[in-house]
């Protein structure tokens, strides 16, 4: 699997999110500054609420833009079978016979990317799973309690 293509897909997904967030921020800003949002009395906070929303959306758009810039400069690494998991590792994990693929990225954990007919979930080293995986190698096994039952995990491969 070519990680450069995977990273391009991550960037494309982030660009889509950025476009949606920027449009929402513009809409909220327009609503906050529109004449109809002018307070009718001291209890009318529509304009203020729209302004807060626009500010939050603008901050989120900036975070996404920062992530895009980070992924555009991210240097991926190919891991040998005996190398420990680190940033840009693609990890195949088995949990009670179900297999999943995870890409260790610097930001935007939870993003799901479809790549070469496989679903890959982006996780960060700071996430609970990322903390467990960092520094481990293929073949590492552990058991954890999940939803009241024990789940057996096995790192099948790292690339």
N, C-alpha and C. Protein backbone atom coordinates (compact mmCIF):
# COMPACT_ATOMS: atom_id res chain seq x y z
N UNK A 1 0.85 -1.18 0.00
CA UNK A 1 0.00 0.00 0.00
C UNK A 1 0.89 1.24 0.00
N UNK A 2 0.59 2.16 -0.86
CA UNK A 2 1.39 3.37 -0.96
C UNK A 2 0.83 4.42 -0.01
N UNK A 3 1.59 4.74 1.02
CA UNK A 3 1.12 5.69 2.04
C UNK A 3 0.94 7.09 1.49
N UNK A 4 1.72 7.46 0.48
CA UNK A 4 1.58 8.80 -0.09
C UNK A 4 0.16 9.00 -0.63
N UNK A 5 -0.41 7.96 -1.23
CA UNK A 5 -1.79 8.05 -1.72
C UNK A 5 -2.78 8.14 -0.57
N UNK A 6 -2.52 7.41 0.49
CA UNK A 6 -3.38 7.47 1.67
C UNK A 6 -3.35 8.88 2.28
N UNK A 7 -2.16 9.46 2.38
CA UNK A 7 -2.04 10.81 2.92
C UNK A 7 -2.76 11.81 2.02
N UNK A 8 -2.69 11.63 0.71
CA UNK A 8 -3.43 12.51 -0.21
C UNK A 8 -4.93 12.41 0.02
N UNK A 9 -5.41 11.21 0.30
CA UNK A 9 -6.83 11.03 0.58
C UNK A 9 -7.22 11.69 1.91
N UNK A 10 -6.34 11.63 2.88
CA UNK A 10 -6.58 12.31 4.16
C UNK A 10 -6.69 13.82 3.92
N UNK A 11 -5.77 14.36 3.14
CA UNK A 11 -5.78 15.79 2.81
C UNK A 11 -7.05 16.15 2.07
N UNK A 12 -7.48 15.32 1.12
CA UNK A 12 -8.70 15.59 0.37
C UNK A 12 -9.92 15.61 1.30
N UNK A 13 -9.98 14.67 2.24
CA UNK A 13 -11.10 14.64 3.19
C UNK A 13 -11.08 15.87 4.08
N UNK A 14 -9.89 16.30 4.49
CA UNK A 14 -9.78 17.50 5.31
C UNK A 14 -10.19 18.74 4.51
N UNK A 15 -9.84 18.79 3.24
CA UNK A 15 -10.24 19.93 2.39
C UNK A 15 -11.77 20.00 2.26
N UNK A 16 -12.40 18.84 2.14
CA UNK A 16 -13.87 18.81 2.09
C UNK A 16 -14.46 19.36 3.39
N UNK A 17 -13.91 18.94 4.52
CA UNK A 17 -14.37 19.43 5.82
C UNK A 17 -14.14 20.93 5.94
N UNK A 18 -13.01 21.39 5.44
CA UNK A 18 -12.69 22.82 5.49
C UNK A 18 -13.70 23.62 4.68
N UNK A 19 -14.03 23.13 3.52
CA UNK A 19 -15.00 23.83 2.66
C UNK A 19 -16.35 23.95 3.36
N UNK A 20 -16.81 22.86 3.96
CA UNK A 20 -18.08 22.88 4.68
C UNK A 20 -18.03 23.84 5.85
N UNK A 21 -16.93 23.81 6.61
CA UNK A 21 -16.80 24.66 7.79
C UNK A 21 -16.72 26.13 7.41
N UNK A 22 -15.98 26.45 6.34
CA UNK A 22 -15.88 27.84 5.91
C UNK A 22 -17.24 28.37 5.46
N UNK A 23 -18.00 27.54 4.74
CA UNK A 23 -19.33 27.95 4.29
C UNK A 23 -20.24 28.19 5.50
N UNK A 24 -20.18 27.31 6.47
CA UNK A 24 -21.00 27.47 7.67
C UNK A 24 -20.61 28.73 8.44
N UNK A 25 -19.30 29.02 8.52
CA UNK A 25 -18.84 30.22 9.22
C UNK A 25 -19.31 31.48 8.50
N UNK A 26 -19.25 31.47 7.17
CA UNK A 26 -19.74 32.64 6.41
C UNK A 26 -21.24 32.84 6.64
N UNK A 27 -21.99 31.76 6.64
CA UNK A 27 -23.44 31.85 6.86
C UNK A 27 -23.73 32.39 8.25
N UNK A 28 -23.04 31.86 9.26
CA UNK A 28 -23.25 32.33 10.63
C UNK A 28 -22.85 33.78 10.78
N UNK A 29 -21.75 34.17 10.15
CA UNK A 29 -21.31 35.56 10.23
C UNK A 29 -22.35 36.48 9.58
N UNK A 30 -22.89 36.05 8.44
CA UNK A 30 -23.92 36.84 7.77
C UNK A 30 -25.16 36.99 8.64
N UNK A 31 -25.51 35.90 9.32
CA UNK A 31 -26.67 35.95 10.21
C UNK A 31 -26.40 36.87 11.41
N UNK A 32 -25.18 36.82 11.93
CA UNK A 32 -24.85 37.64 13.10
C UNK A 32 -24.86 39.12 12.78
N UNK A 33 -24.51 39.46 11.55
CA UNK A 33 -24.41 40.88 11.19
C UNK A 33 -25.63 41.39 10.43
N UNK A 34 -26.57 40.50 10.14
CA UNK A 34 -27.77 40.91 9.40
C UNK A 34 -28.65 41.79 10.29
N UNK A 35 -29.34 42.69 9.66
CA UNK A 35 -30.20 43.64 10.37
C UNK A 35 -31.28 42.93 11.19
N UNK A 36 -31.75 41.79 10.71
CA UNK A 36 -32.81 41.07 11.43
C UNK A 36 -32.31 40.45 12.74
N UNK A 37 -31.00 40.37 12.91
CA UNK A 37 -30.44 39.81 14.14
C UNK A 37 -30.22 40.86 15.21
N UNK A 38 -30.54 42.09 14.90
CA UNK A 38 -30.41 43.17 15.87
C UNK A 38 -31.37 42.89 17.04
N UNK A 39 -30.86 43.03 18.24
CA UNK A 39 -31.66 42.72 19.42
C UNK A 39 -32.88 43.62 19.53
N UNK A 40 -34.05 42.99 19.78
CA UNK A 40 -35.28 43.74 19.99
C UNK A 40 -35.37 44.27 21.41
N UNK A 41 -34.74 43.55 22.34
CA UNK A 41 -34.70 43.96 23.74
C UNK A 41 -33.46 43.33 24.38
N UNK A 42 -33.27 43.58 25.67
CA UNK A 42 -32.04 43.12 26.31
C UNK A 42 -31.97 41.60 26.46
N UNK A 43 -33.09 40.91 26.26
CA UNK A 43 -33.12 39.46 26.39
C UNK A 43 -32.95 38.76 25.04
N UNK A 44 -32.97 39.49 23.98
CA UNK A 44 -32.84 38.93 22.63
C UNK A 44 -31.35 38.76 22.31
N UNK A 45 -30.90 37.51 22.23
CA UNK A 45 -29.47 37.23 22.05
C UNK A 45 -29.16 36.52 20.73
N UNK A 46 -30.10 36.56 19.79
CA UNK A 46 -29.89 35.86 18.51
C UNK A 46 -28.60 36.28 17.82
N UNK A 47 -28.38 37.58 17.73
CA UNK A 47 -27.18 38.08 17.05
C UNK A 47 -25.92 37.67 17.77
N UNK A 48 -25.93 37.74 19.09
CA UNK A 48 -24.77 37.36 19.89
C UNK A 48 -24.47 35.86 19.74
N UNK A 49 -25.52 35.06 19.78
CA UNK A 49 -25.33 33.62 19.62
C UNK A 49 -24.78 33.28 18.24
N UNK A 50 -25.28 33.94 17.21
CA UNK A 50 -24.78 33.71 15.86
C UNK A 50 -23.32 34.14 15.74
N UNK A 51 -22.95 35.22 16.43
CA UNK A 51 -21.56 35.68 16.40
C UNK A 51 -20.64 34.67 17.09
N UNK A 52 -21.07 34.12 18.23
CA UNK A 52 -20.29 33.10 18.91
C UNK A 52 -20.13 31.86 18.02
N UNK A 53 -21.22 31.47 17.38
CA UNK A 53 -21.17 30.31 16.49
C UNK A 53 -20.21 30.56 15.33
N UNK A 54 -20.28 31.73 14.72
CA UNK A 54 -19.38 32.06 13.61
C UNK A 54 -17.93 32.04 14.06
N UNK A 55 -17.66 32.56 15.25
CA UNK A 55 -16.29 32.55 15.78
C UNK A 55 -15.77 31.14 16.00
N UNK A 56 -16.61 30.28 16.55
CA UNK A 56 -16.22 28.89 16.77
C UNK A 56 -15.98 28.15 15.46
N UNK A 57 -16.82 28.41 14.48
CA UNK A 57 -16.65 27.76 13.19
C UNK A 57 -15.39 28.26 12.49
N UNK A 58 -15.08 29.53 12.64
CA UNK A 58 -13.85 30.08 12.04
C UNK A 58 -12.62 29.45 12.70
N UNK A 59 -12.66 29.25 14.02
CA UNK A 59 -11.53 28.60 14.72
C UNK A 59 -11.38 27.15 14.26
N UNK A 60 -12.51 26.45 14.10
CA UNK A 60 -12.46 25.06 13.62
C UNK A 60 -11.89 25.00 12.20
N UNK A 61 -12.29 25.94 11.35
CA UNK A 61 -11.75 26.00 9.98
C UNK A 61 -10.24 26.21 10.02
N UNK A 62 -9.77 27.05 10.92
CA UNK A 62 -8.32 27.30 11.06
C UNK A 62 -7.60 26.04 11.51
N UNK A 63 -8.19 25.28 12.43
CA UNK A 63 -7.60 24.02 12.88
C UNK A 63 -7.49 23.03 11.71
N UNK A 64 -8.53 22.96 10.89
CA UNK A 64 -8.51 22.05 9.75
C UNK A 64 -7.44 22.50 8.76
N UNK A 65 -7.34 23.79 8.51
CA UNK A 65 -6.31 24.31 7.61
C UNK A 65 -4.92 23.98 8.13
N UNK A 66 -4.72 24.13 9.44
CA UNK A 66 -3.43 23.76 10.05
C UNK A 66 -3.14 22.28 9.85
N UNK A 67 -4.17 21.43 9.97
CA UNK A 67 -3.99 19.99 9.77
C UNK A 67 -3.61 19.69 8.32
N UNK A 68 -4.25 20.37 7.38
CA UNK A 68 -3.92 20.16 5.97
C UNK A 68 -2.45 20.49 5.74
N UNK A 69 -2.00 21.62 6.26
CA UNK A 69 -0.60 22.02 6.10
C UNK A 69 0.33 20.99 6.73
N UNK A 70 -0.05 20.44 7.88
CA UNK A 70 0.76 19.44 8.56
C UNK A 70 0.86 18.16 7.73
N UNK A 71 -0.27 17.69 7.20
CA UNK A 71 -0.26 16.46 6.40
C UNK A 71 0.45 16.67 5.06
N UNK A 72 0.42 17.89 4.52
CA UNK A 72 1.12 18.15 3.25
C UNK A 72 2.64 18.06 3.42
N UNK A 73 3.14 18.26 4.62
CA UNK A 73 4.59 18.18 4.87
C UNK A 73 4.99 16.90 5.61
N UNK A 74 4.02 16.05 5.89
CA UNK A 74 4.29 14.81 6.64
C UNK A 74 5.09 13.83 5.79
N UNK A 75 6.18 13.37 6.32
CA UNK A 75 7.02 12.39 5.65
C UNK A 75 6.64 11.00 6.17
N UNK A 76 6.14 10.16 5.27
CA UNK A 76 5.75 8.82 5.69
C UNK A 76 6.97 7.91 5.72
N UNK A 77 6.86 6.90 6.55
CA UNK A 77 7.96 5.96 6.73
C UNK A 77 7.43 4.55 6.49
N UNK A 78 8.22 3.73 5.82
CA UNK A 78 7.88 2.32 5.68
C UNK A 78 8.54 1.57 6.83
N UNK A 79 7.76 0.77 7.50
CA UNK A 79 8.25 0.07 8.69
C UNK A 79 8.62 -1.36 8.36
N UNK A 80 9.77 -1.80 8.85
CA UNK A 80 10.17 -3.20 8.73
C UNK A 80 9.35 -4.00 9.74
N UNK A 81 9.20 -5.31 9.52
CA UNK A 81 8.36 -6.12 10.42
C UNK A 81 8.77 -6.06 11.89
N UNK A 82 10.04 -5.83 12.17
CA UNK A 82 10.49 -5.82 13.56
C UNK A 82 10.62 -4.41 14.16
N UNK A 83 10.19 -3.39 13.40
CA UNK A 83 10.29 -2.02 13.90
C UNK A 83 9.09 -1.66 14.76
N UNK A 84 9.31 -0.85 15.79
CA UNK A 84 8.20 -0.43 16.65
C UNK A 84 7.29 0.57 15.94
N UNK A 85 6.04 0.55 16.32
CA UNK A 85 5.03 1.45 15.75
C UNK A 85 5.35 2.89 16.15
N UNK A 86 5.22 3.78 15.15
CA UNK A 86 5.46 5.20 15.36
C UNK A 86 4.56 5.96 14.40
N UNK A 87 4.71 7.27 14.36
CA UNK A 87 3.93 8.10 13.47
C UNK A 87 4.05 7.63 12.03
N UNK A 88 2.98 7.62 11.30
CA UNK A 88 2.78 7.19 9.90
C UNK A 88 2.76 5.66 9.73
N UNK A 89 2.69 4.93 10.82
CA UNK A 89 2.56 3.47 10.70
C UNK A 89 1.14 3.12 10.30
N UNK A 90 1.03 2.13 9.45
CA UNK A 90 -0.25 1.54 9.10
C UNK A 90 -0.31 0.21 9.83
N UNK A 91 -1.26 0.08 10.73
CA UNK A 91 -1.31 -1.07 11.63
C UNK A 91 -2.57 -1.89 11.35
N UNK A 92 -2.36 -3.20 11.12
CA UNK A 92 -3.49 -4.11 11.00
C UNK A 92 -3.66 -4.79 12.35
N UNK A 93 -4.84 -4.62 12.90
CA UNK A 93 -5.12 -5.09 14.26
C UNK A 93 -6.28 -6.07 14.21
N UNK A 94 -6.14 -7.14 14.98
CA UNK A 94 -7.23 -8.11 15.11
C UNK A 94 -7.79 -8.01 16.52
N UNK A 95 -9.10 -7.89 16.61
CA UNK A 95 -9.77 -7.86 17.92
C UNK A 95 -10.88 -8.89 17.88
N UNK A 96 -10.69 -9.99 18.62
CA UNK A 96 -11.66 -11.09 18.62
C UNK A 96 -12.07 -11.49 17.20
N UNK A 97 -11.12 -11.77 16.37
CA UNK A 97 -11.28 -12.26 14.99
C UNK A 97 -11.73 -11.20 13.99
N UNK A 98 -11.98 -9.97 14.41
CA UNK A 98 -12.33 -8.90 13.48
C UNK A 98 -11.07 -8.09 13.20
N UNK A 99 -10.81 -7.85 11.91
CA UNK A 99 -9.60 -7.12 11.53
C UNK A 99 -9.93 -5.67 11.19
N UNK A 100 -9.01 -4.77 11.59
CA UNK A 100 -9.17 -3.34 11.31
C UNK A 100 -7.81 -2.76 10.95
N UNK A 101 -7.85 -1.69 10.14
CA UNK A 101 -6.63 -0.99 9.76
C UNK A 101 -6.63 0.40 10.39
N UNK A 102 -5.48 0.80 10.93
CA UNK A 102 -5.33 2.11 11.56
C UNK A 102 -4.07 2.78 11.02
N UNK A 103 -4.20 4.06 10.73
CA UNK A 103 -3.05 4.87 10.34
C UNK A 103 -2.76 5.81 11.49
N UNK A 104 -1.50 5.82 11.95
CA UNK A 104 -1.11 6.69 13.05
C UNK A 104 -0.72 8.04 12.47
N UNK A 105 -1.54 9.05 12.70
CA UNK A 105 -1.29 10.40 12.19
C UNK A 105 -1.12 11.40 13.31
N UNK A 106 -0.62 12.58 12.99
CA UNK A 106 -0.37 13.58 14.03
C UNK A 106 -1.63 14.27 14.55
N UNK A 107 -2.72 14.29 13.75
CA UNK A 107 -3.95 14.97 14.14
C UNK A 107 -5.15 14.31 13.47
N UNK A 108 -6.32 14.74 13.86
CA UNK A 108 -7.58 14.36 13.22
C UNK A 108 -7.97 12.90 13.41
N UNK A 109 -7.72 12.38 14.60
CA UNK A 109 -8.13 11.02 14.90
C UNK A 109 -9.63 10.84 14.71
N UNK A 110 -10.00 9.66 14.26
CA UNK A 110 -11.40 9.34 14.03
C UNK A 110 -11.80 9.46 12.57
N UNK A 111 -11.02 10.16 11.79
CA UNK A 111 -11.30 10.30 10.36
C UNK A 111 -11.20 8.93 9.72
N UNK A 112 -12.18 8.56 8.91
CA UNK A 112 -12.17 7.26 8.23
C UNK A 112 -11.97 7.48 6.74
N UNK A 113 -11.04 6.74 6.17
CA UNK A 113 -10.67 6.86 4.77
C UNK A 113 -10.84 5.51 4.09
N UNK A 114 -11.45 5.51 2.93
CA UNK A 114 -11.54 4.30 2.13
C UNK A 114 -10.37 4.33 1.15
N UNK A 115 -9.52 3.31 1.23
CA UNK A 115 -8.32 3.27 0.41
C UNK A 115 -8.11 1.84 -0.07
N UNK A 116 -8.04 1.67 -1.37
CA UNK A 116 -7.85 0.36 -1.99
C UNK A 116 -8.85 -0.67 -1.45
N UNK A 117 -10.12 -0.26 -1.42
CA UNK A 117 -11.24 -1.09 -0.96
C UNK A 117 -11.12 -1.52 0.50
N UNK A 118 -10.38 -0.75 1.28
CA UNK A 118 -10.25 -1.03 2.71
C UNK A 118 -10.58 0.25 3.48
N UNK A 119 -11.22 0.06 4.63
CA UNK A 119 -11.50 1.19 5.51
C UNK A 119 -10.33 1.35 6.48
N UNK A 120 -9.81 2.55 6.53
CA UNK A 120 -8.68 2.84 7.40
C UNK A 120 -9.10 3.97 8.34
N UNK A 121 -8.92 3.75 9.62
CA UNK A 121 -9.25 4.76 10.61
C UNK A 121 -7.98 5.47 11.05
N UNK A 122 -8.05 6.78 11.05
CA UNK A 122 -6.92 7.60 11.47
C UNK A 122 -6.97 7.73 12.99
N UNK A 123 -5.87 7.40 13.65
CA UNK A 123 -5.77 7.60 15.09
C UNK A 123 -4.50 8.38 15.39
N UNK A 124 -4.47 9.01 16.53
CA UNK A 124 -3.30 9.78 16.94
C UNK A 124 -2.56 9.04 18.06
N UNK A 125 -1.30 9.37 18.27
CA UNK A 125 -0.57 8.74 19.38
C UNK A 125 -1.17 9.07 20.74
N UNK A 126 -1.95 10.15 20.82
CA UNK A 126 -2.54 10.56 22.09
C UNK A 126 -3.84 9.83 22.41
N UNK A 127 -4.45 9.18 21.41
CA UNK A 127 -5.70 8.45 21.64
C UNK A 127 -5.42 7.23 22.52
N UNK A 128 -6.45 6.70 23.17
CA UNK A 128 -6.22 5.50 24.01
C UNK A 128 -5.59 4.34 23.22
N UNK A 129 -6.11 4.06 22.03
CA UNK A 129 -5.52 2.98 21.23
C UNK A 129 -4.13 3.35 20.76
N UNK A 130 -3.94 4.60 20.35
CA UNK A 130 -2.63 5.06 19.92
C UNK A 130 -1.59 4.92 21.01
N UNK A 131 -1.98 5.22 22.24
CA UNK A 131 -1.04 5.10 23.37
C UNK A 131 -0.62 3.65 23.57
N UNK A 132 -1.56 2.73 23.38
CA UNK A 132 -1.22 1.30 23.52
C UNK A 132 -0.30 0.86 22.39
N UNK A 133 -0.58 1.30 21.16
CA UNK A 133 0.17 0.81 20.00
C UNK A 133 1.58 1.39 19.87
N UNK A 134 1.75 2.64 20.26
CA UNK A 134 3.05 3.29 20.07
C UNK A 134 4.17 2.48 20.73
N UNK A 135 5.18 2.18 19.94
CA UNK A 135 6.35 1.46 20.43
C UNK A 135 6.21 -0.06 20.38
N UNK A 136 5.01 -0.55 20.12
CA UNK A 136 4.81 -2.01 20.04
C UNK A 136 5.19 -2.49 18.63
N UNK A 137 5.29 -3.81 18.50
CA UNK A 137 5.68 -4.42 17.23
C UNK A 137 4.62 -5.43 16.79
N UNK A 138 4.68 -5.83 15.53
CA UNK A 138 3.79 -6.87 15.02
C UNK A 138 3.93 -8.11 15.90
N UNK A 139 2.81 -8.74 16.21
CA UNK A 139 2.81 -9.92 17.06
C UNK A 139 2.46 -9.61 18.51
N UNK A 140 2.49 -8.33 18.87
CA UNK A 140 2.15 -7.96 20.25
C UNK A 140 0.68 -8.28 20.50
N UNK A 141 0.39 -8.88 21.66
CA UNK A 141 -0.98 -9.25 22.03
C UNK A 141 -1.30 -8.69 23.41
N UNK A 142 -2.57 -8.35 23.59
CA UNK A 142 -3.03 -7.92 24.90
C UNK A 142 -4.53 -8.15 25.00
N UNK A 143 -5.01 -8.14 26.21
CA UNK A 143 -6.44 -8.29 26.48
C UNK A 143 -6.90 -7.06 27.24
N UNK A 144 -8.07 -6.56 26.87
CA UNK A 144 -8.62 -5.37 27.54
C UNK A 144 -10.12 -5.56 27.73
N UNK A 145 -10.63 -4.93 28.76
CA UNK A 145 -12.06 -4.97 29.01
C UNK A 145 -12.73 -3.90 28.17
N UNK A 146 -13.74 -4.32 27.42
CA UNK A 146 -14.46 -3.40 26.54
C UNK A 146 -15.94 -3.71 26.66
N UNK A 147 -16.70 -2.74 27.19
CA UNK A 147 -18.14 -2.93 27.32
C UNK A 147 -18.52 -4.10 28.21
N UNK A 148 -17.75 -4.35 29.24
CA UNK A 148 -18.08 -5.41 30.17
C UNK A 148 -17.54 -6.78 29.81
N UNK A 149 -16.92 -6.91 28.65
CA UNK A 149 -16.35 -8.22 28.29
C UNK A 149 -14.88 -8.04 27.90
N UNK A 150 -14.15 -9.13 28.00
CA UNK A 150 -12.73 -9.11 27.64
C UNK A 150 -12.56 -9.29 26.14
N UNK A 151 -11.72 -8.46 25.56
CA UNK A 151 -11.42 -8.52 24.13
C UNK A 151 -9.94 -8.80 23.97
N UNK A 152 -9.61 -9.75 23.11
CA UNK A 152 -8.22 -10.09 22.82
C UNK A 152 -7.78 -9.36 21.57
N UNK A 153 -6.65 -8.66 21.68
CA UNK A 153 -6.11 -7.88 20.59
C UNK A 153 -4.79 -8.49 20.13
N UNK A 154 -4.52 -8.37 18.82
CA UNK A 154 -3.28 -8.87 18.25
C UNK A 154 -2.87 -7.93 17.11
N UNK A 155 -1.63 -7.43 17.16
CA UNK A 155 -1.12 -6.63 16.06
C UNK A 155 -0.65 -7.60 15.00
N UNK A 156 -1.35 -7.62 13.87
CA UNK A 156 -1.03 -8.56 12.80
C UNK A 156 0.13 -8.06 11.95
N UNK A 157 0.13 -6.77 11.62
CA UNK A 157 1.20 -6.25 10.77
C UNK A 157 1.36 -4.75 10.98
N UNK A 158 2.57 -4.29 10.68
CA UNK A 158 2.91 -2.86 10.73
C UNK A 158 3.66 -2.55 9.44
N UNK A 159 3.21 -1.54 8.74
CA UNK A 159 3.91 -1.17 7.51
C UNK A 159 4.04 0.34 7.43
